[in-house]
Structure formats: C-alpha cells, structure tokens
Amino acid sequence: MTDKAEDRIVEMTFKFIDGNTEEFAEWLQKIGATIKRRSKDEIIFDGPSGVGTGLFKGIDPINAAVCIGFAVAGVFWLFVFPNLLKKVEKEWKERLKQRRRI
C-alpha cells in the first residue's frame, strides 16, 4: 500500500511541477484535502491529515513532495512514506538528464 501511495505522490508532485494544476487539484479532492485557495501559480490546501500547506510555481520537486507528504500523513509522513524522497530525487535526476540531451 505504502509503495503505491508513494508512487502516486511522486506522480502528483510532478503533475504540479509541470503545471497540470487541474489534475493535481482533482487528486487532492479525491484524497480528502480541502482546497483553500487556488490560482494558476499556487494552490493552498489542508491535507487529509489536517495539516495545511501550499505549493507555488517554481517550487522544486523535493520541497513539493515534502509538503504533500506532510499534508497527507501529518508529522509522521517520513515514516509512512520512507522512500518518497528517494523516488522524487530519482525522477528529478532522470528529467534533468533528459533536458541535457535535448
């Protein structure tokens, strides 16, 4: 279960990073988050854990994933999603390699 949840958070982290805020917002609502404010450049929300956070255009993937993990699982997010940051870092590095090839 945790592995699938981590993979989904990684996917949604990069949806936001890539500017697909509509799909990201839909996912937030599906998991029980409450969106407080939203524009094309930011989204402020309370996660299902009750923790409020926000993501802004230009945030790096690691910080975005930390905010999402914290909002989803609360203060114990790192124990609930122990491989989340490694997975985000791996995807980020792969994307950077792809950019360099272009």
PDB file of N, CA and C in Angstrom:
ATOM      1  N   MET A   1       0.827  -1.202   0.000  1.00  0.00           N
ATOM      2  CA  MET A   1       0.000   0.000   0.000  1.00  0.00           C
ATOM      3  C   MET A   1       0.867   1.260   0.000  1.00  0.00           C
ATOM      4  N   THR A   2       1.847   1.292   0.901  1.00  0.00           N
ATOM      5  CA  THR A   2       2.704   2.474   1.004  1.00  0.00           C
ATOM      6  C   THR A   2       3.440   2.740  -0.300  1.00  0.00           C
ATOM      7  N   ASP A   3       3.911   1.683  -0.945  1.00  0.00           N
ATOM      8  CA  ASP A   3       4.654   1.843  -2.193  1.00  0.00           C
ATOM      9  C   ASP A   3       3.787   2.492  -3.269  1.00  0.00           C
ATOM     10  N   LYS A   4       2.545   2.050  -3.384  1.00  0.00           N
ATOM     11  CA  LYS A   4       1.629   2.632  -4.368  1.00  0.00           C
ATOM     12  C   LYS A   4       1.310   4.081  -4.020  1.00  0.00           C
ATOM     13  N   ALA A   5       1.125   4.349  -2.737  1.00  0.00           N
ATOM     14  CA  ALA A   5       0.833   5.718  -2.300  1.00  0.00           C
ATOM     15  C   ALA A   5       2.022   6.631  -2.589  1.00  0.00           C
ATOM     16  N   GLU A   6       3.226   6.140  -2.310  1.00  0.00           N
ATOM     17  CA  GLU A   6       4.426   6.926  -2.625  1.00  0.00           C
ATOM     18  C   GLU A   6       4.510   7.222  -4.120  1.00  0.00           C
ATOM     19  N   ASP A   7       4.275   6.201  -4.922  1.00  0.00           N
ATOM     20  CA  ASP A   7       4.340   6.391  -6.376  1.00  0.00           C
ATOM     21  C   ASP A   7       3.319   7.416  -6.846  1.00  0.00           C
ATOM     22  N   ARG A   8       2.141   7.394  -6.243  1.00  0.00           N
ATOM     23  CA  ARG A   8       1.096   8.350  -6.625  1.00  0.00           C
ATOM     24  C   ARG A   8       1.488   9.767  -6.209  1.00  0.00           C
ATOM     25  N   ILE A   9       2.079   9.916  -5.033  1.00  0.00           N
ATOM     26  CA  ILE A   9       2.525  11.238  -4.595  1.00  0.00           C
ATOM     27  C   ILE A   9       3.632  11.752  -5.521  1.00  0.00           C
ATOM     28  N   VAL A  10       4.543  10.875  -5.918  1.00  0.00           N
ATOM     29  CA  VAL A  10       5.595  11.278  -6.867  1.00  0.00           C
ATOM     30  C   VAL A  10       4.949  11.754  -8.163  1.00  0.00           C
ATOM     31  N   GLU A  11       4.013  10.974  -8.668  1.00  0.00           N
ATOM     32  CA  GLU A  11       3.319  11.343  -9.909  1.00  0.00           C
ATOM     33  C   GLU A  11       2.637  12.701  -9.776  1.00  0.00           C
ATOM     34  N   MET A  12       1.923  12.906  -8.681  1.00  0.00           N
ATOM     35  CA  MET A  12       1.191  14.160  -8.493  1.00  0.00           C
ATOM     36  C   MET A  12       2.135  15.331  -8.231  1.00  0.00           C
ATOM     37  N   THR A  13       3.261  15.072  -7.586  1.00  0.00           N
ATOM     38  CA  THR A  13       4.270  16.121  -7.396  1.00  0.00           C
ATOM     39  C   THR A  13       4.692  16.678  -8.747  1.00  0.00           C
ATOM     40  N   PHE A  14       4.981  15.793  -9.671  1.00  0.00           N
ATOM     41  CA  PHE A  14       5.436  16.243 -10.981  1.00  0.00           C
ATOM     42  C   PHE A  14       4.298  16.777 -11.842  1.00  0.00           C
ATOM     43  N   LYS A  15       3.065  16.365 -11.576  1.00  0.00           N
ATOM     44  CA  LYS A  15       1.921  16.985 -12.264  1.00  0.00           C
ATOM     45  C   LYS A  15       1.894  18.469 -11.911  1.00  0.00           C
ATOM     46  N   PHE A  16       2.058  18.770 -10.615  1.00  0.00           N
ATOM     47  CA  PHE A  16       2.065  20.170 -10.193  1.00  0.00           C
ATOM     48  C   PHE A  16       3.273  20.900 -10.781  1.00  0.00           C
ATOM     49  N   ILE A  17       4.442  20.306 -10.673  1.00  0.00           N
ATOM     50  CA  ILE A  17       5.671  20.924 -11.184  1.00  0.00           C
ATOM     51  C   ILE A  17       5.539  21.237 -12.675  1.00  0.00           C
ATOM     52  N   ASP A  18       4.896  20.331 -13.399  1.00  0.00           N
ATOM     53  CA  ASP A  18       4.729  20.504 -14.849  1.00  0.00           C
ATOM     54  C   ASP A  18       3.606  21.470 -15.212  1.00  0.00           C
ATOM     55  N   GLY A  19       2.905  21.981 -14.205  1.00  0.00           N
ATOM     56  CA  GLY A  19       1.857  22.964 -14.466  1.00  0.00           C
ATOM     57  C   GLY A  19       0.467  22.392 -14.644  1.00  0.00           C
ATOM     58  N   ASN A  20       0.300  21.099 -14.388  1.00  0.00           N
ATOM     59  CA  ASN A  20      -1.019  20.476 -14.511  1.00  0.00           C
ATOM     60  C   ASN A  20      -1.757  20.598 -13.178  1.00  0.00           C
ATOM     61  N   THR A  21      -2.101  21.827 -12.828  1.00  0.00           N
ATOM     62  CA  THR A  21      -2.728  22.071 -11.527  1.00  0.00           C
ATOM     63  C   THR A  21      -4.155  21.537 -11.462  1.00  0.00           C
ATOM     64  N   GLU A  22      -4.813  21.421 -12.603  1.00  0.00           N
ATOM     65  CA  GLU A  22      -6.188  20.902 -12.618  1.00  0.00           C
ATOM     66  C   GLU A  22      -6.222  19.451 -12.143  1.00  0.00           C
ATOM     67  N   GLU A  23      -5.388  18.617 -12.724  1.00  0.00           N
ATOM     68  CA  GLU A  23      -5.342  17.208 -12.322  1.00  0.00           C
ATOM     69  C   GLU A  23      -4.863  17.069 -10.878  1.00  0.00           C
ATOM     70  N   PHE A  24      -3.900  17.907 -10.486  1.00  0.00           N
ATOM     71  CA  PHE A  24      -3.407  17.882  -9.110  1.00  0.00           C
ATOM     72  C   PHE A  24      -4.529  18.230  -8.138  1.00  0.00           C
ATOM     73  N   ALA A  25      -5.305  19.265  -8.442  1.00  0.00           N
ATOM     74  CA  ALA A  25      -6.414  19.679  -7.576  1.00  0.00           C
ATOM     75  C   ALA A  25      -7.488  18.594  -7.493  1.00  0.00           C
ATOM     76  N   GLU A  26      -7.777  17.944  -8.608  1.00  0.00           N
ATOM     77  CA  GLU A  26      -8.757  16.851  -8.604  1.00  0.00           C
ATOM     78  C   GLU A  26      -8.293  15.717  -7.698  1.00  0.00           C
ATOM     79  N   TRP A  27      -7.008  15.389  -7.779  1.00  0.00           N
ATOM     80  CA  TRP A  27      -6.456  14.341  -6.921  1.00  0.00           C
ATOM     81  C   TRP A  27      -6.560  14.730  -5.447  1.00  0.00           C
ATOM     82  N   LEU A  28      -6.229  15.984  -5.134  1.00  0.00           N
ATOM     83  CA  LEU A  28      -6.336  16.443  -3.751  1.00  0.00           C
ATOM     84  C   LEU A  28      -7.746  16.235  -3.214  1.00  0.00           C
ATOM     85  N   GLN A  29      -8.726  16.600  -3.999  1.00  0.00           N
ATOM     86  CA  GLN A  29     -10.109  16.451  -3.559  1.00  0.00           C
ATOM     87  C   GLN A  29     -10.473  14.981  -3.380  1.00  0.00           C
ATOM     88  N   LYS A  30      -9.972  14.114  -4.248  1.00  0.00           N
ATOM     89  CA  LYS A  30     -10.257  12.677  -4.143  1.00  0.00           C
ATOM     90  C   LYS A  30      -9.705  12.076  -2.861  1.00  0.00           C
ATOM     91  N   ILE A  31      -8.568  12.586  -2.399  1.00  0.00           N
ATOM     92  CA  ILE A  31      -7.969  12.024  -1.185  1.00  0.00           C
ATOM     93  C   ILE A  31      -8.459  12.718   0.086  1.00  0.00           C
ATOM     94  N   GLY A  32      -9.380  13.658  -0.056  1.00  0.00           N
ATOM     95  CA  GLY A  32      -9.974  14.291   1.117  1.00  0.00           C
ATOM     96  C   GLY A  32      -9.362  15.606   1.541  1.00  0.00           C
ATOM     97  N   ALA A  33      -8.549  16.198   0.707  1.00  0.00           N
ATOM     98  CA  ALA A  33      -7.968  17.508   1.024  1.00  0.00           C
ATOM     99  C   ALA A  33      -9.000  18.606   0.769  1.00  0.00           C
ATOM    100  N   THR A  34      -8.835  19.718   1.461  1.00  0.00           N
ATOM    101  CA  THR A  34      -9.693  20.884   1.277  1.00  0.00           C
ATOM    102  C   THR A  34      -8.864  21.996   0.651  1.00  0.00           C
ATOM    103  N   ILE A  35      -9.245  22.406  -0.537  1.00  0.00           N
ATOM    104  CA  ILE A  35      -8.518  23.478  -1.219  1.00  0.00           C
ATOM    105  C   ILE A  35      -9.002  24.817  -0.678  1.00  0.00           C
ATOM    106  N   LYS A  36      -8.074  25.597  -0.145  1.00  0.00           N
ATOM    107  CA  LYS A  36      -8.387  26.893   0.460  1.00  0.00           C
ATOM    108  C   LYS A  36      -8.288  28.037  -0.550  1.00  0.00           C
ATOM    109  N   ARG A  37      -7.264  27.961  -1.406  1.00  0.00           N
ATOM    110  CA  ARG A  37      -7.073  29.000  -2.422  1.00  0.00           C
ATOM    111  C   ARG A  37      -6.323  28.376  -3.590  1.00  0.00           C
ATOM    112  N   ARG A  38      -6.704  28.824  -4.774  1.00  0.00           N
ATOM    113  CA  ARG A  38      -6.074  28.247  -5.955  1.00  0.00           C
ATOM    114  C   ARG A  38      -6.014  29.266  -7.083  1.00  0.00           C
ATOM    115  N   SER A  39      -4.873  29.301  -7.736  1.00  0.00           N
ATOM    116  CA  SER A  39      -4.704  30.092  -8.954  1.00  0.00           C
ATOM    117  C   SER A  39      -3.840  29.257  -9.892  1.00  0.00           C
ATOM    118  N   LYS A  40      -3.494  29.812 -11.035  1.00  0.00           N
ATOM    119  CA  LYS A  40      -2.655  29.029 -11.954  1.00  0.00           C
ATOM    120  C   LYS A  40      -1.230  28.870 -11.432  1.00  0.00           C
ATOM    121  N   ASP A  41      -0.837  29.707 -10.469  1.00  0.00           N
ATOM    122  CA  ASP A  41       0.529  29.671  -9.945  1.00  0.00           C
ATOM    123  C   ASP A  41       0.666  29.091  -8.542  1.00  0.00           C
ATOM    124  N   GLU A  42      -0.450  28.833  -7.865  1.00  0.00           N
ATOM    125  CA  GLU A  42      -0.360  28.339  -6.494  1.00  0.00           C
ATOM    126  C   GLU A  42      -1.604  27.548  -6.121  1.00  0.00           C
ATOM    127  N   ILE A  43      -1.431  26.727  -5.100  1.00  0.00           N
ATOM    128  CA  ILE A  43      -2.572  26.035  -4.511  1.00  0.00           C
ATOM    129  C   ILE A  43      -2.299  25.904  -3.013  1.00  0.00           C
ATOM    130  N   ILE A  44      -3.243  26.356  -2.222  1.00  0.00           N
ATOM    131  CA  ILE A  44      -3.149  26.293  -0.765  1.00  0.00           C
ATOM    132  C   ILE A  44      -4.225  25.310  -0.316  1.00  0.00           C
ATOM    133  N   PHE A  45      -3.849  24.346   0.518  1.00  0.00           N
ATOM    134  CA  PHE A  45      -4.828  23.329   0.904  1.00  0.00           C
ATOM    135  C   PHE A  45      -4.530  22.742   2.275  1.00  0.00           C
ATOM    136  N   ASP A  46      -5.576  22.180   2.875  1.00  0.00           N
ATOM    137  CA  ASP A  46      -5.443  21.371   4.083  1.00  0.00           C
ATOM    138  C   ASP A  46      -5.509  19.924   3.635  1.00  0.00           C
ATOM    139  N   GLY A  47      -4.522  19.150   4.005  1.00  0.00           N
ATOM    140  CA  GLY A  47      -4.496  17.744   3.621  1.00  0.00           C
ATOM    141  C   GLY A  47      -5.453  16.922   4.459  1.00  0.00           C
ATOM    142  N   PRO A  48      -5.616  15.656   4.113  1.00  0.00           N
ATOM    143  CA  PRO A  48      -6.491  14.779   4.886  1.00  0.00           C
ATOM    144  C   PRO A  48      -6.039  14.630   6.340  1.00  0.00           C
ATOM    145  N   SER A  49      -4.768  14.883   6.613  1.00  0.00           N
ATOM    146  CA  SER A  49      -4.252  14.804   7.981  1.00  0.00           C
ATOM    147  C   SER A  49      -4.629  16.038   8.796  1.00  0.00           C
ATOM    148  N   GLY A  50      -5.163  17.072   8.111  1.00  0.00           N
ATOM    149  CA  GLY A  50      -5.496  18.322   8.785  1.00  0.00           C
ATOM    150  C   GLY A  50      -4.390  19.357   8.705  1.00  0.00           C
ATOM    151  N   VAL A  51      -3.256  18.977   8.160  1.00  0.00           N
ATOM    152  CA  VAL A  51      -2.122  19.888   8.034  1.00  0.00           C
ATOM    153  C   VAL A  51      -2.301  20.749   6.789  1.00  0.00           C
ATOM    154  N   GLY A  52      -2.157  22.055   6.972  1.00  0.00           N
ATOM    155  CA  GLY A  52      -2.259  22.975   5.849  1.00  0.00           C
ATOM    156  C   GLY A  52      -0.906  23.214   5.205  1.00  0.00           C
ATOM    157  N   THR A  53      -0.910  23.391   3.911  1.00  0.00           N
ATOM    158  CA  THR A  53       0.325  23.662   3.178  1.00  0.00           C
ATOM    159  C   THR A  53      -0.013  24.346   1.863  1.00  0.00           C
ATOM    160  N   GLY A  54       1.003  24.708   1.137  1.00  0.00           N
ATOM    161  CA  GLY A  54       0.791  25.325  -0.164  1.00  0.00           C
ATOM    162  C   GLY A  54       1.944  25.032  -1.094  1.00  0.00           C
ATOM    163  N   LEU A  55       1.625  24.984  -2.369  1.00  0.00           N
ATOM    164  CA  LEU A  55       2.634  24.797  -3.406  1.00  0.00           C
ATOM    165  C   LEU A  55       2.553  25.980  -4.351  1.00  0.00           C
ATOM    166  N   PHE A  56       3.704  26.449  -4.789  1.00  0.00           N
ATOM    167  CA  PHE A  56       3.780  27.628  -5.632  1.00  0.00           C
ATOM    168  C   PHE A  56       4.597  27.331  -6.879  1.00  0.00           C
ATOM    169  N   LYS A  57       4.266  28.002  -7.959  1.00  0.00           N
ATOM    170  CA  LYS A  57       5.018  27.852  -9.202  1.00  0.00           C
ATOM    171  C   LYS A  57       6.494  28.106  -8.914  1.00  0.00           C
ATOM    172  N   GLY A  58       7.343  27.229  -9.392  1.00  0.00           N
ATOM    173  CA  GLY A  58       8.775  27.376  -9.184  1.00  0.00           C
ATOM    174  C   GLY A  58       9.327  26.559  -8.031  1.00  0.00           C
ATOM    175  N   ILE A  59       8.468  25.938  -7.231  1.00  0.00           N
ATOM    176  CA  ILE A  59       8.949  25.103  -6.131  1.00  0.00           C
ATOM    177  C   ILE A  59       9.675  23.895  -6.715  1.00  0.00           C
ATOM    178  N   ASP A  60      10.717  23.459  -6.047  1.00  0.00           N
ATOM    179  CA  ASP A  60      11.435  22.286  -6.539  1.00  0.00           C
ATOM    180  C   ASP A  60      10.681  21.014  -6.132  1.00  0.00           C
ATOM    181  N   PRO A  61      10.904  19.914  -6.833  1.00  0.00           N
ATOM    182  CA  PRO A  61      10.156  18.687  -6.563  1.00  0.00           C
ATOM    183  C   PRO A  61      10.337  18.122  -5.156  1.00  0.00           C
ATOM    184  N   ILE A  62      11.516  18.249  -4.587  1.00  0.00           N
ATOM    185  CA  ILE A  62      11.740  17.712  -3.243  1.00  0.00           C
ATOM    186  C   ILE A  62      10.875  18.451  -2.228  1.00  0.00           C
ATOM    187  N   ASN A  63      10.908  19.771  -2.241  1.00  0.00           N
ATOM    188  CA  ASN A  63      10.093  20.542  -1.302  1.00  0.00           C
ATOM    189  C   ASN A  63       8.606  20.338  -1.549  1.00  0.00           C
ATOM    190  N   ALA A  64       8.213  20.205  -2.808  1.00  0.00           N
ATOM    191  CA  ALA A  64       6.807  19.943  -3.119  1.00  0.00           C
ATOM    192  C   ALA A  64       6.375  18.605  -2.529  1.00  0.00           C
ATOM    193  N   ALA A  65       7.198  17.574  -2.694  1.00  0.00           N
ATOM    194  CA  ALA A  65       6.864  16.250  -2.163  1.00  0.00           C
ATOM    195  C   ALA A  65       6.801  16.257  -0.636  1.00  0.00           C
ATOM    196  N   VAL A  66       7.704  16.986   0.004  1.00  0.00           N
ATOM    197  CA  VAL A  66       7.675  17.101   1.469  1.00  0.00           C
ATOM    198  C   VAL A  66       6.360  17.734   1.913  1.00  0.00           C
ATOM    199  N   CYS A  67       5.956  18.816   1.259  1.00  0.00           N
ATOM    200  CA  CYS A  67       4.689  19.480   1.600  1.00  0.00           C
ATOM    201  C   CYS A  67       3.503  18.542   1.412  1.00  0.00           C
ATOM    202  N   ILE A  68       3.492  17.821   0.306  1.00  0.00           N
ATOM    203  CA  ILE A  68       2.385  16.905   0.031  1.00  0.00           C
ATOM    204  C   ILE A  68       2.383  15.754   1.036  1.00  0.00           C
ATOM    205  N   GLY A  69       3.544  15.151   1.272  1.00  0.00           N
ATOM    206  CA  GLY A  69       3.633  14.056   2.241  1.00  0.00           C
ATOM    207  C   GLY A  69       3.186  14.477   3.625  1.00  0.00           C
ATOM    208  N   PHE A  70       3.614  15.664   4.047  1.00  0.00           N
ATOM    209  CA  PHE A  70       3.231  16.195   5.358  1.00  0.00           C
ATOM    210  C   PHE A  70       1.728  16.422   5.420  1.00  0.00           C
ATOM    211  N   ALA A  71       1.156  16.965   4.360  1.00  0.00           N
ATOM    212  CA  ALA A  71      -0.289  17.222   4.330  1.00  0.00           C
ATOM    213  C   ALA A  71      -1.090  15.926   4.332  1.00  0.00           C
ATOM    214  N   VAL A  72      -0.567  14.901   3.679  1.00  0.00           N
ATOM    215  CA  VAL A  72      -1.286  13.626   3.590  1.00  0.00           C
ATOM    216  C   VAL A  72      -1.181  12.827   4.887  1.00  0.00           C
ATOM    217  N   ALA A  73       0.020  12.739   5.458  1.00  0.00           N
ATOM    218  CA  ALA A  73       0.235  11.835   6.590  1.00  0.00           C
ATOM    219  C   ALA A  73       0.597  12.521   7.899  1.00  0.00           C
ATOM    220  N   GLY A  74       0.652  13.838   7.914  1.00  0.00           N
ATOM    221  CA  GLY A  74       0.982  14.542   9.150  1.00  0.00           C
ATOM    222  C   GLY A  74       2.463  14.449   9.486  1.00  0.00           C
ATOM    223  N   VAL A  75       2.764  14.640  10.755  1.00  0.00           N
ATOM    224  CA  VAL A  75       4.159  14.728  11.186  1.00  0.00           C
ATOM    225  C   VAL A  75       4.942  13.435  10.990  1.00  0.00           C
ATOM    226  N   PHE A  76       4.248  12.341  10.828  1.00  0.00           N
ATOM    227  CA  PHE A  76       4.928  11.058  10.647  1.00  0.00           C
ATOM    228  C   PHE A  76       5.084  10.674   9.182  1.00  0.00           C
ATOM    229  N   TRP A  77       4.937  11.661   8.283  1.00  0.00           N
ATOM    230  CA  TRP A  77       4.964  11.377   6.849  1.00  0.00           C
ATOM    231  C   TRP A  77       6.213  10.622   6.424  1.00  0.00           C
ATOM    232  N   LEU A  78       7.350  10.943   7.027  1.00  0.00           N
ATOM    233  CA  LEU A  78       8.607  10.311   6.637  1.00  0.00           C
ATOM    234  C   LEU A  78       8.627   8.822   6.990  1.00  0.00           C
ATOM    235  N   PHE A  79       7.892   8.448   8.024  1.00  0.00           N
ATOM    236  CA  PHE A  79       7.800   7.035   8.401  1.00  0.00           C
ATOM    237  C   PHE A  79       6.728   6.317   7.580  1.00  0.00           C
ATOM    238  N   VAL A  80       5.691   7.045   7.226  1.00  0.00           N
ATOM    239  CA  VAL A  80       4.615   6.476   6.411  1.00  0.00           C
ATOM    240  C   VAL A  80       5.087   6.274   4.973  1.00  0.00           C
ATOM    241  N   PHE A  81       5.871   7.222   4.472  1.00  0.00           N
ATOM    242  CA  PHE A  81       6.385   7.183   3.098  1.00  0.00           C
ATOM    243  C   PHE A  81       7.917   7.205   3.118  1.00  0.00           C
ATOM    244  N   PRO A  82       8.557   6.131   3.592  1.00  0.00           N
ATOM    245  CA  PRO A  82      10.006   6.163   3.805  1.00  0.00           C
ATOM    246  C   PRO A  82      10.855   6.320   2.541  1.00  0.00           C
ATOM    247  N   ASN A  83      10.323   5.968   1.394  1.00  0.00           N
ATOM    248  CA  ASN A  83      11.105   6.052   0.151  1.00  0.00           C
ATOM    249  C   ASN A  83      10.680   7.200  -0.753  1.00  0.00           C
ATOM    250  N   LEU A  84       9.800   8.052  -0.265  1.00  0.00           N
ATOM    251  CA  LEU A  84       9.253   9.121  -1.097  1.00  0.00           C
ATOM    252  C   LEU A  84      10.336  10.032  -1.669  1.00  0.00           C
ATOM    253  N   LEU A  85      11.218  10.513  -0.837  1.00  0.00           N
ATOM    254  CA  LEU A  85      12.230  11.461  -1.315  1.00  0.00           C
ATOM    255  C   LEU A  85      13.210  10.816  -2.287  1.00  0.00           C
ATOM    256  N   LYS A  86      13.553   9.551  -2.059  1.00  0.00           N
ATOM    257  CA  LYS A  86      14.431   8.843  -2.996  1.00  0.00           C
ATOM    258  C   LYS A  86      13.767   8.722  -4.364  1.00  0.00           C
ATOM    259  N   LYS A  87      12.478   8.429  -4.364  1.00  0.00           N
ATOM    260  CA  LYS A  87      11.744   8.287  -5.630  1.00  0.00           C
ATOM    261  C   LYS A  87      11.629   9.621  -6.367  1.00  0.00           C
ATOM    262  N   VAL A  88      11.374  10.684  -5.622  1.00  0.00           N
ATOM    263  CA  VAL A  88      11.288  12.008  -6.248  1.00  0.00           C
ATOM    264  C   VAL A  88      12.650  12.404  -6.806  1.00  0.00           C
ATOM    265  N   GLU A  89      13.696  12.187  -6.029  1.00  0.00           N
ATOM    266  CA  GLU A  89      15.043  12.520  -6.490  1.00  0.00           C
ATOM    267  C   GLU A  89      15.398  11.748  -7.763  1.00  0.00           C
ATOM    268  N   LYS A  90      15.056  10.471  -7.805  1.00  0.00           N
ATOM    269  CA  LYS A  90      15.341   9.646  -8.983  1.00  0.00           C
ATOM    270  C   LYS A  90      14.637  10.196 -10.221  1.00  0.00           C
ATOM    271  N   GLU A  91      13.350  10.525 -10.082  1.00  0.00           N
ATOM    272  CA  GLU A  91      12.584  11.077 -11.207  1.00  0.00           C
ATOM    273  C   GLU A  91      13.147  12.432 -11.635  1.00  0.00           C
ATOM    274  N   TRP A  92      13.491  13.261 -10.665  1.00  0.00           N
ATOM    275  CA  TRP A  92      14.034  14.585 -10.956  1.00  0.00           C
ATOM    276  C   TRP A  92      15.350  14.468 -11.732  1.00  0.00           C
ATOM    277  N   LYS A  93      16.230  13.582 -11.262  1.00  0.00           N
ATOM    278  CA  LYS A  93      17.509  13.383 -11.955  1.00  0.00           C
ATOM    279  C   LYS A  93      17.289  12.892 -13.381  1.00  0.00           C
ATOM    280  N   GLU A  94      16.343  11.985 -13.558  1.00  0.00           N
ATOM    281  CA  GLU A  94      16.042  11.473 -14.901  1.00  0.00           C
ATOM    282  C   GLU A  94      15.554  12.594 -15.814  1.00  0.00           C
ATOM    283  N   ARG A  95      14.719  13.455 -15.282  1.00  0.00           N
ATOM    284  CA  ARG A  95      14.225  14.588 -16.070  1.00  0.00           C
ATOM    285  C   ARG A  95      15.351  15.557 -16.429  1.00  0.00           C
ATOM    286  N   LEU A  96      16.258  15.774 -15.493  1.00  0.00           N
ATOM    287  CA  LEU A  96      17.395  16.659 -15.774  1.00  0.00           C
ATOM    288  C   LEU A  96      18.299  16.065 -16.852  1.00  0.00           C
ATOM    289  N   LYS A  97      18.501  14.753 -16.807  1.00  0.00           N
ATOM    290  CA  LYS A  97      19.289  14.087 -17.850  1.00  0.00           C
ATOM    291  C   LYS A  97      18.623  14.249 -19.208  1.00  0.00           C
ATOM    292  N   GLN A  98      17.309  14.098 -19.237  1.00  0.00           N
ATOM    293  CA  GLN A  98      16.566  14.248 -20.496  1.00  0.00           C
ATOM    294  C   GLN A  98      16.742  15.657 -21.061  1.00  0.00           C
ATOM    295  N   ARG A  99      16.698  16.654 -20.198  1.00  0.00           N
ATOM    296  CA  ARG A  99      16.874  18.050 -20.639  1.00  0.00           C
ATOM    297  C   ARG A  99      18.251  18.279 -21.235  1.00  0.00           C
ATOM    298  N   ARG A 100      19.249  17.683 -20.621  1.00  0.00           N
ATOM    299  CA  ARG A 100      20.627  17.865 -21.102  1.00  0.00           C
ATOM    300  C   ARG A 100      20.825  17.240 -22.473  1.00  0.00           C
ATOM    301  N   ARG A 101      20.078  16.194 -22.755  1.00  0.00           N
ATOM    302  CA  ARG A 101      20.190  15.516 -24.054  1.00  0.00           C
ATOM    303  C   ARG A 101      19.565  16.327 -25.178  1.00  0.00           C
ATOM    304  N   ILE A 102      18.649  17.185 -24.823  1.00  0.00           N
ATOM    305  CA  ILE A 102      17.933  17.966 -25.846  1.00  0.00           C
ATOM    306  C   ILE A 102      18.773  19.103 -26.363  1.00  0.00           C
TER     307      ILE A 102
END
